[in-house]
Amino acid sequence: MTVNTTNNESQTLHLRVAAAERTRNELLGAIRAMERGEEVESRHVLDLPDEAALARVVSETNLALVRAIARNAPESTHATAALVDHDYKDVHRNLTELADLGVIELNEEGRSKRPVVRFDELVIEVPMTDDPDTDTTDALTV
């Protein structure tokens, strides 16, 4: 996930569940459009393998961590733990999981890792059908 936040534009991360075929079709369509010289909308999409992964991302604890990082830009995992008043080991585990899922970045700075959030909003898309060609109007968007 790469999101540029150096400008004042809102950056949205779209979370989707089990949409691999749909993502492939969208990518192929975007490539074809670019080959025709058409402009393609830039979206930041994180496809999650299942609802369990989605539940981990949007758990109360993880959302509190992501918000705290976005609002306060802590310099390290230790600073993040102090910011949310949680045990370092728990925060480290949660941040590692969020980084593994692609929701945050952990930038190494010396011996510490600085958590970084590159978006300011989440949109959750959960398809209500198994049709890979279903557009987002047939998904539950929260």
N, C-alpha and C. Protein backbone atom coordinates (compact mmCIF):
# COMPACT_ATOMS: atom_id res chain seq x y z
N MET A 1 0.84 -1.17 0.00
CA MET A 1 0.00 0.00 0.00
C MET A 1 0.88 1.23 0.00
N THR A 2 0.72 2.09 -0.97
CA THR A 2 1.45 3.34 -1.00
C THR A 2 0.45 4.45 -1.18
N VAL A 3 0.40 5.35 -0.23
CA VAL A 3 -0.51 6.47 -0.28
C VAL A 3 0.29 7.73 -0.02
N ASN A 4 0.18 8.71 -0.89
CA ASN A 4 0.90 9.96 -0.73
C ASN A 4 0.06 10.93 0.09
N THR A 5 0.59 11.37 1.23
CA THR A 5 -0.14 12.31 2.06
C THR A 5 0.55 13.66 2.12
N THR A 6 1.45 13.94 1.19
CA THR A 6 2.13 15.22 1.20
C THR A 6 1.24 16.35 0.71
N ASN A 7 0.16 16.05 0.03
CA ASN A 7 -0.77 17.09 -0.38
C ASN A 7 -1.95 17.10 0.59
N ASN A 8 -2.91 17.98 0.35
CA ASN A 8 -4.03 18.11 1.27
C ASN A 8 -5.23 17.27 0.85
N GLU A 9 -5.07 16.40 -0.14
CA GLU A 9 -6.17 15.57 -0.58
C GLU A 9 -6.44 14.47 0.43
N SER A 10 -7.71 14.14 0.57
CA SER A 10 -8.11 13.04 1.44
C SER A 10 -7.62 11.73 0.85
N GLN A 11 -7.10 10.86 1.67
CA GLN A 11 -6.62 9.55 1.22
C GLN A 11 -7.48 8.48 1.88
N THR A 12 -8.08 7.64 1.07
CA THR A 12 -8.98 6.61 1.56
C THR A 12 -8.41 5.24 1.26
N LEU A 13 -8.44 4.37 2.25
CA LEU A 13 -8.07 2.97 2.07
C LEU A 13 -9.36 2.16 2.02
N HIS A 14 -9.56 1.44 0.91
CA HIS A 14 -10.72 0.58 0.75
C HIS A 14 -10.34 -0.83 1.20
N LEU A 15 -11.06 -1.38 2.15
CA LEU A 15 -10.86 -2.75 2.62
C LEU A 15 -11.93 -3.62 1.97
N ARG A 16 -11.49 -4.70 1.32
CA ARG A 16 -12.44 -5.61 0.69
C ARG A 16 -12.14 -7.03 1.13
N VAL A 17 -13.19 -7.83 1.18
CA VAL A 17 -13.07 -9.22 1.60
C VAL A 17 -13.16 -10.15 0.39
N ALA A 18 -12.14 -11.03 0.27
CA ALA A 18 -12.15 -12.13 -0.71
C ALA A 18 -12.60 -11.70 -2.10
N ALA A 19 -11.96 -10.69 -2.63
CA ALA A 19 -12.37 -10.17 -3.93
C ALA A 19 -11.27 -10.36 -4.97
N ALA A 20 -10.53 -11.45 -4.89
CA ALA A 20 -9.36 -11.65 -5.75
C ALA A 20 -9.73 -11.63 -7.24
N GLU A 21 -10.78 -12.31 -7.63
CA GLU A 21 -11.18 -12.34 -9.05
C GLU A 21 -11.64 -10.96 -9.49
N ARG A 22 -12.39 -10.30 -8.64
CA ARG A 22 -12.85 -8.95 -8.96
C ARG A 22 -11.65 -8.00 -9.10
N THR A 23 -10.68 -8.12 -8.22
CA THR A 23 -9.49 -7.27 -8.28
C THR A 23 -8.73 -7.54 -9.57
N ARG A 24 -8.60 -8.80 -9.94
CA ARG A 24 -7.92 -9.15 -11.19
C ARG A 24 -8.63 -8.53 -12.38
N ASN A 25 -9.96 -8.63 -12.41
CA ASN A 25 -10.74 -8.05 -13.51
C ASN A 25 -10.58 -6.53 -13.55
N GLU A 26 -10.59 -5.89 -12.38
CA GLU A 26 -10.43 -4.43 -12.33
C GLU A 26 -9.04 -4.03 -12.83
N LEU A 27 -8.03 -4.79 -12.44
CA LEU A 27 -6.66 -4.49 -12.86
C LEU A 27 -6.52 -4.63 -14.37
N LEU A 28 -7.05 -5.71 -14.92
CA LEU A 28 -7.01 -5.90 -16.37
C LEU A 28 -7.74 -4.78 -17.10
N GLY A 29 -8.89 -4.37 -16.56
CA GLY A 29 -9.63 -3.27 -17.16
C GLY A 29 -8.85 -1.96 -17.11
N ALA A 30 -8.17 -1.72 -15.99
CA ALA A 30 -7.36 -0.49 -15.85
C ALA A 30 -6.19 -0.51 -16.83
N ILE A 31 -5.56 -1.66 -16.98
CA ILE A 31 -4.44 -1.78 -17.92
C ILE A 31 -4.92 -1.50 -19.34
N ARG A 32 -6.05 -2.09 -19.71
CA ARG A 32 -6.59 -1.86 -21.05
C ARG A 32 -6.93 -0.38 -21.27
N ALA A 33 -7.50 0.26 -20.24
CA ALA A 33 -7.84 1.68 -20.34
C ALA A 33 -6.59 2.53 -20.50
N MET A 34 -5.54 2.21 -19.77
CA MET A 34 -4.28 2.96 -19.90
C MET A 34 -3.66 2.76 -21.28
N GLU A 35 -3.77 1.54 -21.81
CA GLU A 35 -3.26 1.27 -23.16
C GLU A 35 -3.99 2.10 -24.21
N ARG A 36 -5.28 2.41 -23.95
CA ARG A 36 -6.06 3.24 -24.86
C ARG A 36 -5.82 4.74 -24.60
N GLY A 37 -4.97 5.04 -23.61
CA GLY A 37 -4.68 6.43 -23.29
C GLY A 37 -5.68 7.08 -22.36
N GLU A 38 -6.55 6.28 -21.77
CA GLU A 38 -7.56 6.83 -20.86
C GLU A 38 -6.97 7.02 -19.47
N GLU A 39 -7.52 7.96 -18.74
CA GLU A 39 -7.09 8.18 -17.36
C GLU A 39 -7.80 7.17 -16.46
N VAL A 40 -7.07 6.63 -15.50
CA VAL A 40 -7.61 5.62 -14.61
C VAL A 40 -7.64 6.17 -13.18
N GLU A 41 -8.77 5.97 -12.52
CA GLU A 41 -8.91 6.42 -11.14
C GLU A 41 -7.91 5.71 -10.24
N SER A 42 -7.27 6.46 -9.37
CA SER A 42 -6.34 5.89 -8.41
C SER A 42 -7.09 5.57 -7.12
N ARG A 43 -7.06 4.31 -6.74
CA ARG A 43 -7.70 3.87 -5.49
C ARG A 43 -6.71 3.04 -4.71
N HIS A 44 -6.78 3.14 -3.43
CA HIS A 44 -5.93 2.34 -2.56
C HIS A 44 -6.81 1.25 -1.96
N VAL A 45 -6.58 0.01 -2.42
CA VAL A 45 -7.44 -1.11 -2.05
C VAL A 45 -6.61 -2.17 -1.35
N LEU A 46 -7.12 -2.65 -0.24
CA LEU A 46 -6.50 -3.76 0.47
C LEU A 46 -7.50 -4.91 0.45
N ASP A 47 -7.18 -5.97 -0.32
CA ASP A 47 -8.03 -7.16 -0.35
C ASP A 47 -7.64 -8.08 0.78
N LEU A 48 -8.59 -8.39 1.62
CA LEU A 48 -8.36 -9.28 2.76
C LEU A 48 -8.88 -10.66 2.40
N PRO A 49 -8.24 -11.71 2.91
CA PRO A 49 -8.61 -13.07 2.51
C PRO A 49 -9.97 -13.52 3.02
N ASP A 50 -10.43 -12.98 4.15
CA ASP A 50 -11.68 -13.45 4.73
C ASP A 50 -12.18 -12.46 5.78
N GLU A 51 -13.36 -12.75 6.30
CA GLU A 51 -13.97 -11.87 7.31
C GLU A 51 -13.18 -11.84 8.61
N ALA A 52 -12.47 -12.93 8.91
CA ALA A 52 -11.65 -12.95 10.13
C ALA A 52 -10.54 -11.90 10.05
N ALA A 53 -9.92 -11.77 8.89
CA ALA A 53 -8.88 -10.75 8.71
C ALA A 53 -9.50 -9.35 8.82
N LEU A 54 -10.67 -9.16 8.24
CA LEU A 54 -11.36 -7.88 8.35
C LEU A 54 -11.66 -7.56 9.82
N ALA A 55 -12.14 -8.56 10.54
CA ALA A 55 -12.45 -8.35 11.96
C ALA A 55 -11.20 -7.94 12.75
N ARG A 56 -10.06 -8.52 12.41
CA ARG A 56 -8.81 -8.13 13.09
C ARG A 56 -8.46 -6.68 12.79
N VAL A 57 -8.61 -6.28 11.54
CA VAL A 57 -8.26 -4.90 11.17
C VAL A 57 -9.16 -3.91 11.90
N VAL A 58 -10.45 -4.17 11.95
CA VAL A 58 -11.39 -3.20 12.50
C VAL A 58 -11.76 -3.47 13.95
N SER A 59 -10.96 -4.27 14.65
CA SER A 59 -11.23 -4.48 16.07
C SER A 59 -11.11 -3.14 16.79
N GLU A 60 -11.77 -3.02 17.91
CA GLU A 60 -11.72 -1.77 18.67
C GLU A 60 -10.29 -1.37 19.00
N THR A 61 -9.48 -2.33 19.42
CA THR A 61 -8.09 -2.05 19.77
C THR A 61 -7.29 -1.57 18.57
N ASN A 62 -7.42 -2.26 17.44
CA ASN A 62 -6.65 -1.88 16.26
C ASN A 62 -7.09 -0.53 15.70
N LEU A 63 -8.39 -0.27 15.68
CA LEU A 63 -8.84 1.04 15.21
C LEU A 63 -8.34 2.15 16.13
N ALA A 64 -8.33 1.91 17.44
CA ALA A 64 -7.80 2.90 18.38
C ALA A 64 -6.32 3.16 18.12
N LEU A 65 -5.57 2.10 17.83
CA LEU A 65 -4.15 2.26 17.50
C LEU A 65 -3.95 3.07 16.23
N VAL A 66 -4.68 2.71 15.18
CA VAL A 66 -4.54 3.41 13.90
C VAL A 66 -4.91 4.88 14.07
N ARG A 67 -5.98 5.15 14.79
CA ARG A 67 -6.37 6.56 15.01
C ARG A 67 -5.31 7.31 15.81
N ALA A 68 -4.78 6.68 16.84
CA ALA A 68 -3.75 7.33 17.66
C ALA A 68 -2.51 7.64 16.84
N ILE A 69 -2.13 6.72 15.97
CA ILE A 69 -0.97 6.93 15.10
C ILE A 69 -1.24 8.06 14.11
N ALA A 70 -2.42 8.04 13.49
CA ALA A 70 -2.77 9.07 12.51
C ALA A 70 -2.82 10.45 13.15
N ARG A 71 -3.33 10.54 14.36
CA ARG A 71 -3.49 11.85 15.02
C ARG A 71 -2.20 12.37 15.65
N ASN A 72 -1.34 11.46 16.14
CA ASN A 72 -0.21 11.89 16.96
C ASN A 72 1.17 11.61 16.38
N ALA A 73 1.25 10.79 15.33
CA ALA A 73 2.52 10.46 14.68
C ALA A 73 3.61 10.08 15.69
N PRO A 74 3.38 9.04 16.50
CA PRO A 74 4.39 8.63 17.48
C PRO A 74 5.67 8.18 16.79
N GLU A 75 6.80 8.34 17.47
CA GLU A 75 8.11 8.06 16.88
C GLU A 75 8.51 6.59 16.94
N SER A 76 7.79 5.78 17.75
CA SER A 76 8.21 4.39 17.92
C SER A 76 7.05 3.56 18.45
N THR A 77 7.28 2.27 18.51
CA THR A 77 6.29 1.36 19.11
C THR A 77 6.14 1.67 20.59
N HIS A 78 7.25 1.95 21.27
CA HIS A 78 7.18 2.31 22.69
C HIS A 78 6.34 3.56 22.90
N ALA A 79 6.54 4.57 22.06
CA ALA A 79 5.77 5.81 22.16
C ALA A 79 4.29 5.55 21.89
N THR A 80 4.00 4.64 20.97
CA THR A 80 2.62 4.28 20.66
C THR A 80 1.97 3.61 21.86
N ALA A 81 2.69 2.68 22.48
CA ALA A 81 2.17 1.99 23.66
C ALA A 81 1.87 2.98 24.78
N ALA A 82 2.76 3.94 24.98
CA ALA A 82 2.55 4.96 26.01
C ALA A 82 1.34 5.84 25.65
N LEU A 83 1.21 6.15 24.38
CA LEU A 83 0.13 7.00 23.90
C LEU A 83 -1.24 6.39 24.19
N VAL A 84 -1.37 5.09 23.98
CA VAL A 84 -2.66 4.42 24.18
C VAL A 84 -2.77 3.75 25.55
N ASP A 85 -1.70 3.86 26.33
CA ASP A 85 -1.66 3.31 27.68
C ASP A 85 -1.95 1.80 27.69
N HIS A 86 -1.22 1.09 26.80
CA HIS A 86 -1.32 -0.37 26.72
C HIS A 86 0.07 -0.97 26.89
N ASP A 87 0.10 -2.24 27.20
CA ASP A 87 1.36 -2.96 27.36
C ASP A 87 2.13 -2.98 26.03
N TYR A 88 3.43 -2.76 26.10
CA TYR A 88 4.28 -2.72 24.91
C TYR A 88 4.14 -3.99 24.07
N LYS A 89 4.17 -5.17 24.72
CA LYS A 89 4.10 -6.43 23.96
C LYS A 89 2.80 -6.53 23.16
N ASP A 90 1.69 -6.12 23.78
CA ASP A 90 0.40 -6.17 23.08
C ASP A 90 0.38 -5.21 21.90
N VAL A 91 0.88 -3.99 22.11
CA VAL A 91 0.92 -3.00 21.05
C VAL A 91 1.84 -3.45 19.92
N HIS A 92 2.99 -4.00 20.27
CA HIS A 92 3.93 -4.51 19.26
C HIS A 92 3.26 -5.59 18.42
N ARG A 93 2.56 -6.51 19.06
CA ARG A 93 1.87 -7.58 18.34
C ARG A 93 0.80 -7.01 17.41
N ASN A 94 0.01 -6.06 17.90
CA ASN A 94 -1.04 -5.46 17.08
C ASN A 94 -0.45 -4.68 15.90
N LEU A 95 0.59 -3.91 16.15
CA LEU A 95 1.20 -3.13 15.06
C LEU A 95 1.82 -4.04 14.01
N THR A 96 2.45 -5.12 14.45
CA THR A 96 3.04 -6.07 13.51
C THR A 96 1.95 -6.69 12.64
N GLU A 97 0.83 -7.05 13.25
CA GLU A 97 -0.28 -7.62 12.49
C GLU A 97 -0.84 -6.61 11.50
N LEU A 98 -1.03 -5.36 11.93
CA LEU A 98 -1.54 -4.32 11.03
C LEU A 98 -0.57 -4.06 9.89
N ALA A 99 0.72 -4.11 10.16
CA ALA A 99 1.72 -3.93 9.11
C ALA A 99 1.71 -5.12 8.16
N ASP A 100 1.60 -6.33 8.69
CA ASP A 100 1.54 -7.53 7.84
C ASP A 100 0.33 -7.50 6.92
N LEU A 101 -0.77 -6.95 7.40
CA LEU A 101 -1.99 -6.85 6.59
C LEU A 101 -1.94 -5.68 5.61
N GLY A 102 -0.99 -4.75 5.79
CA GLY A 102 -0.85 -3.63 4.89
C GLY A 102 -1.63 -2.39 5.30
N VAL A 103 -2.10 -2.34 6.52
CA VAL A 103 -2.88 -1.20 6.98
C VAL A 103 -1.98 -0.05 7.43
N ILE A 104 -0.85 -0.38 8.05
CA ILE A 104 0.13 0.63 8.45
C ILE A 104 1.49 0.22 7.91
N GLU A 105 2.44 1.13 8.02
CA GLU A 105 3.84 0.83 7.71
C GLU A 105 4.63 0.95 9.01
N LEU A 106 5.65 0.13 9.16
CA LEU A 106 6.59 0.26 10.27
C LEU A 106 7.92 0.64 9.66
N ASN A 107 8.27 1.90 9.77
CA ASN A 107 9.52 2.43 9.20
C ASN A 107 10.64 2.31 10.22
N GLU A 108 11.69 1.59 9.84
CA GLU A 108 12.83 1.44 10.74
C GLU A 108 13.61 2.73 10.81
N GLU A 109 13.83 3.18 12.02
CA GLU A 109 14.62 4.37 12.28
C GLU A 109 15.57 4.03 13.43
N GLY A 110 16.80 3.72 13.07
CA GLY A 110 17.74 3.25 14.09
C GLY A 110 17.30 1.90 14.59
N ARG A 111 17.18 1.79 15.90
CA ARG A 111 16.75 0.53 16.51
C ARG A 111 15.25 0.45 16.74
N SER A 112 14.55 1.52 16.43
CA SER A 112 13.10 1.52 16.65
C SER A 112 12.35 1.49 15.33
N LYS A 113 11.07 1.22 15.42
CA LYS A 113 10.19 1.23 14.25
C LYS A 113 9.09 2.25 14.50
N ARG A 114 8.97 3.17 13.56
CA ARG A 114 7.96 4.22 13.66
C ARG A 114 6.73 3.80 12.86
N PRO A 115 5.57 3.69 13.53
CA PRO A 115 4.34 3.33 12.81
C PRO A 115 3.82 4.54 12.03
N VAL A 116 3.38 4.27 10.80
CA VAL A 116 2.90 5.35 9.92
C VAL A 116 1.58 4.93 9.29
N VAL A 117 0.62 5.82 9.33
CA VAL A 117 -0.67 5.63 8.66
C VAL A 117 -0.68 6.57 7.47
N ARG A 118 -0.90 6.05 6.27
CA ARG A 118 -0.84 6.86 5.05
C ARG A 118 -2.23 7.19 4.48
N PHE A 119 -3.26 7.11 5.29
CA PHE A 119 -4.60 7.42 4.83
C PHE A 119 -5.36 8.06 5.98
N ASP A 120 -6.48 8.69 5.66
CA ASP A 120 -7.26 9.34 6.71
C ASP A 120 -8.69 8.81 6.81
N GLU A 121 -8.97 7.75 6.08
CA GLU A 121 -10.31 7.17 6.16
C GLU A 121 -10.27 5.74 5.64
N LEU A 122 -11.14 4.91 6.21
CA LEU A 122 -11.32 3.52 5.76
C LEU A 122 -12.72 3.38 5.18
N VAL A 123 -12.82 2.66 4.07
CA VAL A 123 -14.11 2.27 3.51
C VAL A 123 -14.09 0.75 3.45
N ILE A 124 -15.10 0.14 4.02
CA ILE A 124 -15.16 -1.33 4.07
C ILE A 124 -16.18 -1.83 3.07
N GLU A 125 -15.74 -2.74 2.18
CA GLU A 125 -16.63 -3.32 1.18
C GLU A 125 -16.70 -4.82 1.41
N VAL A 126 -17.91 -5.32 1.62
CA VAL A 126 -18.13 -6.75 1.82
C VAL A 126 -19.16 -7.21 0.79
N PRO A 127 -18.74 -7.97 -0.23
CA PRO A 127 -19.68 -8.43 -1.25
C PRO A 127 -20.77 -9.31 -0.66
N MET A 128 -21.98 -9.12 -1.15
CA MET A 128 -23.11 -9.93 -0.69
C MET A 128 -23.36 -11.09 -1.64
N THR A 129 -22.61 -11.15 -2.76
CA THR A 129 -22.72 -12.27 -3.70
C THR A 129 -21.31 -12.77 -4.00
N ASP A 130 -21.22 -13.89 -4.66
CA ASP A 130 -19.93 -14.45 -5.05
C ASP A 130 -19.55 -14.09 -6.48
N ASP A 131 -20.33 -13.24 -7.13
CA ASP A 131 -20.07 -12.87 -8.52
C ASP A 131 -18.85 -11.95 -8.59
N PRO A 132 -17.74 -12.38 -9.22
CA PRO A 132 -16.53 -11.56 -9.28
C PRO A 132 -16.70 -10.28 -10.08
N ASP A 133 -17.73 -10.22 -10.92
CA ASP A 133 -17.94 -9.03 -11.73
C ASP A 133 -18.91 -8.05 -11.07
N THR A 134 -19.34 -8.36 -9.85
CA THR A 134 -20.26 -7.49 -9.15
C THR A 134 -19.57 -6.18 -8.83
N ASP A 135 -20.25 -5.07 -9.12
CA ASP A 135 -19.62 -3.79 -8.78
C ASP A 135 -19.90 -3.44 -7.33
N THR A 136 -19.33 -2.33 -6.88
CA THR A 136 -19.42 -1.97 -5.46
C THR A 136 -20.82 -1.59 -5.04
N THR A 137 -21.76 -1.38 -5.98
CA THR A 137 -23.12 -1.05 -5.57
C THR A 137 -23.81 -2.28 -5.00
N ASP A 138 -23.29 -3.47 -5.27
CA ASP A 138 -23.86 -4.68 -4.70
C ASP A 138 -23.12 -5.13 -3.45
N ALA A 139 -22.24 -4.29 -2.94
CA ALA A 139 -21.50 -4.61 -1.73
C ALA A 139 -22.02 -3.78 -0.57
N LEU A 140 -21.86 -4.28 0.60
CA LEU A 140 -22.18 -3.52 1.79
C LEU A 140 -21.00 -2.60 2.06
N THR A 141 -21.22 -1.32 1.99
CA THR A 141 -20.16 -0.35 2.24
C THR A 141 -20.47 0.35 3.54
N VAL A 142 -19.50 0.32 4.45
CA VAL A 142 -19.67 0.93 5.77
C VAL A 142 -18.84 2.18 5.83
